[in-house]
Amino acid sequence: MSPHAIEQLISPDFVSNLTELNIDEVRRRRGLCQDAEEALSLQRRLIQGRLDIVQADLYRRAGGASAQPTEELIESLPDILVEHGDRHLGPGRLTSLDASGPMLDSDFDELVRKLDRIVDGARLSKLDSEDEKTVREMADELDQLERSVSENRHQLHRHIDKFQAEIVRRYKSGEASVEGLLESESPN
């Protein structure tokens, strides 16, 4: 999802005056935020995978894991990614993103180009040929990118919660009804 689109969705204006919006608009905006959050979640996972690999190399350089050679590090990548998966990915869930969803091919390509500028696949497979300072810079850039994506996700979560609270409020107060929802979803 483009940075401009994310900026619009995380803007305080996007959730202002919720009581003045009709319920369909509240639901539509909530859906946009949910789709964007899923796209950012996928972006974060891609970033985190590379960051885990770079951090594992730094750990290896510091004498961790018996200072295993790079070949062994590469062989252990599935374990590294799974081991760190619980910490970074949270509970497993399927994403509903598809080609028509919020993360279009151009958005995905843009993220991959950004990641490749930091550390592409070829450099990931030869981290031992890089000096430690360069590898630390890679880790710092990936970490900064991951933090930026995470902050945007957190803001989207806050917006989704506000939209959800407004929808619940309307059902509790009688401003919205299940019958009205069914009528708005039925084809004409």
C-alpha atoms as a PDB file:
ATOM      1  CA  MET A   1       0.000   0.000   0.000  1.00  0.00           C
ATOM      2  CA  SER A   2       1.437   3.343  -0.980  1.00  0.00           C
ATOM      3  CA  PRO A   3       2.837   5.610   1.746  1.00  0.00           C
ATOM      4  CA  HIS A   4       0.396   8.364   0.675  1.00  0.00           C
ATOM      5  CA  ALA A   5      -2.610   6.045   1.109  1.00  0.00           C
ATOM      6  CA  ILE A   6      -1.351   4.935   4.526  1.00  0.00           C
ATOM      7  CA  GLU A   7      -0.863   8.561   5.586  1.00  0.00           C
ATOM      8  CA  GLN A   8      -4.502   9.277   4.726  1.00  0.00           C
ATOM      9  CA  LEU A   9      -5.756   6.262   6.670  1.00  0.00           C
ATOM     10  CA  ILE A  10      -3.704   6.967   9.803  1.00  0.00           C
ATOM     11  CA  SER A  11      -4.568  10.656   9.809  1.00  0.00           C
ATOM     12  CA  PRO A  12      -6.678  11.762  12.794  1.00  0.00           C
ATOM     13  CA  ASP A  13      -9.086  13.292  10.259  1.00  0.00           C
ATOM     14  CA  PHE A  14      -9.961   9.817   8.989  1.00  0.00           C
ATOM     15  CA  VAL A  15     -11.660   8.987  12.315  1.00  0.00           C
ATOM     16  CA  SER A  16     -12.948  12.413  13.232  1.00  0.00           C
ATOM     17  CA  ASN A  17     -16.679  13.105  13.480  1.00  0.00           C
ATOM     18  CA  LEU A  18     -17.629   9.420  13.331  1.00  0.00           C
ATOM     19  CA  THR A  19     -21.082  10.125  14.722  1.00  0.00           C
ATOM     20  CA  GLU A  20     -21.826  12.300  11.684  1.00  0.00           C
ATOM     21  CA  LEU A  21     -21.012   9.547   9.166  1.00  0.00           C
ATOM     22  CA  ASN A  22     -23.625   7.056   8.045  1.00  0.00           C
ATOM     23  CA  ILE A  23     -23.010   3.497   9.167  1.00  0.00           C
ATOM     24  CA  ASP A  24     -22.071   2.290   5.679  1.00  0.00           C
ATOM     25  CA  GLU A  25     -19.296   4.883   5.556  1.00  0.00           C
ATOM     26  CA  VAL A  26     -18.068   3.855   9.012  1.00  0.00           C
ATOM     27  CA  ARG A  27     -17.943   0.225   7.861  1.00  0.00           C
ATOM     28  CA  ARG A  28     -16.226   1.183   4.596  1.00  0.00           C
ATOM     29  CA  ARG A  29     -13.520   3.126   6.414  1.00  0.00           C
ATOM     30  CA  ARG A  30     -13.048   0.312   8.908  1.00  0.00           C
ATOM     31  CA  GLY A  31     -12.631  -2.090   5.986  1.00  0.00           C
ATOM     32  CA  LEU A  32     -10.030   0.162   4.348  1.00  0.00           C
ATOM     33  CA  CYS A  33      -8.058   0.232   7.597  1.00  0.00           C
ATOM     34  CA  GLN A  34      -8.336  -3.532   7.990  1.00  0.00           C
ATOM     35  CA  ASP A  35      -7.101  -4.112   4.430  1.00  0.00           C
ATOM     36  CA  ALA A  36      -4.217  -1.694   4.934  1.00  0.00           C
ATOM     37  CA  GLU A  37      -3.286  -3.381   8.217  1.00  0.00           C
ATOM     38  CA  GLU A  38      -3.119  -6.746   6.448  1.00  0.00           C
ATOM     39  CA  ALA A  39      -0.904  -5.281   3.717  1.00  0.00           C
ATOM     40  CA  LEU A  40       1.411  -3.754   6.319  1.00  0.00           C
ATOM     41  CA  SER A  41       1.457  -7.021   8.244  1.00  0.00           C
ATOM     42  CA  LEU A  42       2.730  -8.789   5.138  1.00  0.00           C
ATOM     43  CA  GLN A  43       5.307  -6.051   4.562  1.00  0.00           C
ATOM     44  CA  ARG A  44       6.479  -6.371   8.154  1.00  0.00           C
ATOM     45  CA  ARG A  45       6.893 -10.130   7.777  1.00  0.00           C
ATOM     46  CA  LEU A  46       9.064  -9.673   4.691  1.00  0.00           C
ATOM     47  CA  ILE A  47      11.235  -7.119   6.475  1.00  0.00           C
ATOM     48  CA  GLN A  48      11.452  -9.215   9.623  1.00  0.00           C
ATOM     49  CA  GLY A  49      12.618 -12.294   7.698  1.00  0.00           C
ATOM     50  CA  ARG A  50      15.643 -10.439   6.368  1.00  0.00           C
ATOM     51  CA  LEU A  51      16.276  -8.791   9.721  1.00  0.00           C
ATOM     52  CA  ASP A  52      16.273 -12.183  11.470  1.00  0.00           C
ATOM     53  CA  ILE A  53      18.875 -13.487   9.009  1.00  0.00           C
ATOM     54  CA  VAL A  54      21.127 -10.435   9.435  1.00  0.00           C
ATOM     55  CA  GLN A  55      20.792 -10.565  13.226  1.00  0.00           C
ATOM     56  CA  ALA A  56      21.618 -14.283  13.220  1.00  0.00           C
ATOM     57  CA  ASP A  57      24.809 -13.468  11.310  1.00  0.00           C
ATOM     58  CA  LEU A  58      25.726 -10.797  13.867  1.00  0.00           C
ATOM     59  CA  TYR A  59      25.086 -13.326  16.631  1.00  0.00           C
ATOM     60  CA  ARG A  60      27.334 -15.809  14.818  1.00  0.00           C
ATOM     61  CA  ARG A  61      30.077 -13.169  14.533  1.00  0.00           C
ATOM     62  CA  ALA A  62      29.855 -12.490  18.256  1.00  0.00           C
ATOM     63  CA  GLY A  63      30.599 -16.161  18.941  1.00  0.00           C
ATOM     64  CA  GLY A  64      27.012 -17.268  19.468  1.00  0.00           C
ATOM     65  CA  ALA A  65      25.889 -20.692  18.324  1.00  0.00           C
ATOM     66  CA  SER A  66      29.499 -21.851  18.561  1.00  0.00           C
ATOM     67  CA  ALA A  67      30.463 -19.335  15.852  1.00  0.00           C
ATOM     68  CA  GLN A  68      28.955 -21.564  13.191  1.00  0.00           C
ATOM     69  CA  PRO A  69      30.168 -21.047   9.611  1.00  0.00           C
ATOM     70  CA  THR A  70      27.904 -19.268   7.118  1.00  0.00           C
ATOM     71  CA  GLU A  71      26.992 -22.543   5.395  1.00  0.00           C
ATOM     72  CA  GLU A  72      25.579 -23.860   8.661  1.00  0.00           C
ATOM     73  CA  LEU A  73      23.807 -20.546   9.249  1.00  0.00           C
ATOM     74  CA  ILE A  74      22.105 -20.841   5.858  1.00  0.00           C
ATOM     75  CA  GLU A  75      21.100 -24.431   6.600  1.00  0.00           C
ATOM     76  CA  SER A  76      19.600 -23.309   9.904  1.00  0.00           C
ATOM     77  CA  LEU A  77      17.501 -20.497   8.363  1.00  0.00           C
ATOM     78  CA  PRO A  78      14.204 -22.389   8.588  1.00  0.00           C
ATOM     79  CA  ASP A  79      14.795 -22.867  12.323  1.00  0.00           C
ATOM     80  CA  ILE A  80      15.834 -19.215  12.780  1.00  0.00           C
ATOM     81  CA  LEU A  81      12.713 -17.935  11.059  1.00  0.00           C
ATOM     82  CA  VAL A  82      10.386 -20.325  12.896  1.00  0.00           C
ATOM     83  CA  GLU A  83      12.089 -19.633  16.243  1.00  0.00           C
ATOM     84  CA  HIS A  84      11.638 -15.900  15.836  1.00  0.00           C
ATOM     85  CA  GLY A  85       8.216 -16.270  14.249  1.00  0.00           C
ATOM     86  CA  ASP A  86       6.414 -16.563  17.572  1.00  0.00           C
ATOM     87  CA  ARG A  87       7.965 -13.319  18.744  1.00  0.00           C
ATOM     88  CA  HIS A  88       7.317 -11.344  15.581  1.00  0.00           C
ATOM     89  CA  LEU A  89       4.302 -12.755  13.849  1.00  0.00           C
ATOM     90  CA  GLY A  90       2.004 -13.505  16.705  1.00  0.00           C
ATOM     91  CA  PRO A  91      -0.701 -16.109  16.305  1.00  0.00           C
ATOM     92  CA  GLY A  92      -0.879 -17.577  12.853  1.00  0.00           C
ATOM     93  CA  ARG A  93      -3.688 -16.385  10.656  1.00  0.00           C
ATOM     94  CA  LEU A  94      -4.487 -16.438   7.027  1.00  0.00           C
ATOM     95  CA  THR A  95      -4.402 -13.198   5.141  1.00  0.00           C
ATOM     96  CA  SER A  96      -7.252 -12.219   2.879  1.00  0.00           C
ATOM     97  CA  LEU A  97      -5.035 -10.199   0.568  1.00  0.00           C
ATOM     98  CA  ASP A  98      -5.275 -10.969  -3.107  1.00  0.00           C
ATOM     99  CA  ALA A  99      -4.235  -9.350  -6.378  1.00  0.00           C
ATOM    100  CA  SER A 100      -7.175  -6.950  -6.201  1.00  0.00           C
ATOM    101  CA  GLY A 101      -6.503  -6.071  -2.568  1.00  0.00           C
ATOM    102  CA  PRO A 102      -4.658  -3.173  -1.005  1.00  0.00           C
ATOM    103  CA  MET A 103      -1.131  -4.412  -1.661  1.00  0.00           C
ATOM    104  CA  LEU A 104      -0.906  -4.353  -5.428  1.00  0.00           C
ATOM    105  CA  ASP A 105       2.016  -5.730  -7.417  1.00  0.00           C
ATOM    106  CA  SER A 106       3.555  -2.257  -7.691  1.00  0.00           C
ATOM    107  CA  ASP A 107       3.427  -1.827  -3.900  1.00  0.00           C
ATOM    108  CA  PHE A 108       5.004  -5.235  -3.389  1.00  0.00           C
ATOM    109  CA  ASP A 109       7.676  -4.507  -6.007  1.00  0.00           C
ATOM    110  CA  GLU A 110       8.432  -1.168  -4.336  1.00  0.00           C
ATOM    111  CA  LEU A 111       8.942  -2.878  -0.971  1.00  0.00           C
ATOM    112  CA  VAL A 112      11.183  -5.553  -2.496  1.00  0.00           C
ATOM    113  CA  ARG A 113      13.284  -2.856  -4.207  1.00  0.00           C
ATOM    114  CA  LYS A 114      13.612  -1.028  -0.888  1.00  0.00           C
ATOM    115  CA  LEU A 115      14.631  -4.240   0.880  1.00  0.00           C
ATOM    116  CA  ASP A 116      17.057  -5.140  -1.918  1.00  0.00           C
ATOM    117  CA  ARG A 117      18.728  -1.728  -1.570  1.00  0.00           C
ATOM    118  CA  ILE A 118      19.383  -2.584   2.071  1.00  0.00           C
ATOM    119  CA  VAL A 119      20.349  -6.236   1.538  1.00  0.00           C
ATOM    120  CA  ASP A 120      19.350  -8.347  -1.454  1.00  0.00           C
ATOM    121  CA  GLY A 121      19.205 -12.124  -1.611  1.00  0.00           C
ATOM    122  CA  ALA A 122      22.706 -12.459  -3.018  1.00  0.00           C
ATOM    123  CA  ARG A 123      24.204 -10.437  -0.160  1.00  0.00           C
ATOM    124  CA  LEU A 124      22.095 -12.340   2.377  1.00  0.00           C
ATOM    125  CA  SER A 125      23.679 -15.580   1.202  1.00  0.00           C
ATOM    126  CA  LYS A 126      27.187 -14.118   1.533  1.00  0.00           C
ATOM    127  CA  LEU A 127      26.976 -12.084   4.725  1.00  0.00           C
ATOM    128  CA  ASP A 128      30.331 -13.459   5.892  1.00  0.00           C
ATOM    129  CA  SER A 129      31.986 -11.572   3.012  1.00  0.00           C
ATOM    130  CA  GLU A 130      30.680  -8.280   4.421  1.00  0.00           C
ATOM    131  CA  ASP A 131      32.471  -6.478   7.220  1.00  0.00           C
ATOM    132  CA  GLU A 132      30.713  -6.315  10.568  1.00  0.00           C
ATOM    133  CA  LYS A 133      30.076  -2.567  10.311  1.00  0.00           C
ATOM    134  CA  THR A 134      28.189  -3.065   7.028  1.00  0.00           C
ATOM    135  CA  VAL A 135      26.122  -5.918   8.474  1.00  0.00           C
ATOM    136  CA  ARG A 136      25.260  -3.776  11.514  1.00  0.00           C
ATOM    137  CA  GLU A 137      24.176  -0.952   9.179  1.00  0.00           C
ATOM    138  CA  MET A 138      21.941  -3.418   7.323  1.00  0.00           C
ATOM    139  CA  ALA A 139      20.406  -4.528  10.619  1.00  0.00           C
ATOM    140  CA  ASP A 140      19.853  -0.912  11.676  1.00  0.00           C
ATOM    141  CA  GLU A 141      18.158   0.019   8.379  1.00  0.00           C
ATOM    142  CA  LEU A 142      15.936  -3.062   8.450  1.00  0.00           C
ATOM    143  CA  ASP A 143      15.063  -2.396  12.078  1.00  0.00           C
ATOM    144  CA  GLN A 144      14.179   1.229  11.302  1.00  0.00           C
ATOM    145  CA  LEU A 145      11.992   0.135   8.368  1.00  0.00           C
ATOM    146  CA  GLU A 146      10.271  -2.496  10.515  1.00  0.00           C
ATOM    147  CA  ARG A 147       9.605   0.049  13.285  1.00  0.00           C
ATOM    148  CA  SER A 148       8.058   2.471  10.792  1.00  0.00           C
ATOM    149  CA  VAL A 149       5.742  -0.192   9.381  1.00  0.00           C
ATOM    150  CA  SER A 150       4.854  -1.358  12.902  1.00  0.00           C
ATOM    151  CA  GLU A 151       3.973   2.159  14.045  1.00  0.00           C
ATOM    152  CA  ASN A 152       1.643   2.569  11.057  1.00  0.00           C
ATOM    153  CA  ARG A 153       0.034  -0.784  11.893  1.00  0.00           C
ATOM    154  CA  HIS A 154      -0.497   0.280  15.494  1.00  0.00           C
ATOM    155  CA  GLN A 155      -2.169   3.500  14.358  1.00  0.00           C
ATOM    156  CA  LEU A 156      -4.423   1.506  12.034  1.00  0.00           C
ATOM    157  CA  HIS A 157      -5.330  -0.779  14.961  1.00  0.00           C
ATOM    158  CA  ARG A 158      -6.341   2.267  16.986  1.00  0.00           C
ATOM    159  CA  HIS A 159      -8.509   3.509  14.099  1.00  0.00           C
ATOM    160  CA  ILE A 160     -10.101   0.087  13.588  1.00  0.00           C
ATOM    161  CA  ASP A 161     -10.950   0.028  17.298  1.00  0.00           C
ATOM    162  CA  LYS A 162     -12.608   3.465  17.014  1.00  0.00           C
ATOM    163  CA  PHE A 163     -14.678   2.381  14.017  1.00  0.00           C
ATOM    164  CA  GLN A 164     -15.669  -0.829  15.775  1.00  0.00           C
ATOM    165  CA  ALA A 165     -16.630   1.048  18.934  1.00  0.00           C
ATOM    166  CA  GLU A 166     -18.809   3.408  16.887  1.00  0.00           C
ATOM    167  CA  ILE A 167     -20.566   0.499  15.174  1.00  0.00           C
ATOM    168  CA  VAL A 168     -21.187  -1.211  18.520  1.00  0.00           C
ATOM    169  CA  ARG A 169     -22.449   2.055  20.013  1.00  0.00           C
ATOM    170  CA  ARG A 170     -24.953   2.420  17.180  1.00  0.00           C
ATOM    171  CA  TYR A 171     -26.292  -1.115  17.617  1.00  0.00           C
ATOM    172  CA  LYS A 172     -26.587  -0.677  21.373  1.00  0.00           C
ATOM    173  CA  SER A 173     -28.355   2.674  21.041  1.00  0.00           C
ATOM    174  CA  GLY A 174     -30.702   1.398  18.323  1.00  0.00           C
ATOM    175  CA  GLU A 175     -29.324   3.765  15.654  1.00  0.00           C
ATOM    176  CA  ALA A 176     -28.362   0.666  13.662  1.00  0.00           C
ATOM    177  CA  SER A 177     -30.092  -2.680  13.422  1.00  0.00           C
ATOM    178  CA  VAL A 178     -29.383  -6.116  12.050  1.00  0.00           C
ATOM    179  CA  GLU A 179     -32.358  -5.677   9.712  1.00  0.00           C
ATOM    180  CA  GLY A 180     -30.764  -2.507   8.322  1.00  0.00           C
ATOM    181  CA  LEU A 181     -27.503  -4.362   7.787  1.00  0.00           C
ATOM    182  CA  LEU A 182     -29.278  -7.161   5.944  1.00  0.00           C
ATOM    183  CA  GLU A 183     -31.161  -4.646   3.780  1.00  0.00           C
ATOM    184  CA  SER A 184     -27.962  -2.801   2.832  1.00  0.00           C
ATOM    185  CA  GLU A 185     -26.241  -6.071   1.871  1.00  0.00           C
ATOM    186  CA  SER A 186     -29.086  -7.544  -0.203  1.00  0.00           C
ATOM    187  CA  PRO A 187     -28.810  -7.129  -3.989  1.00  0.00           C
ATOM    188  CA  ASN A 188     -31.419  -4.928  -5.638  1.00  0.00           C
END
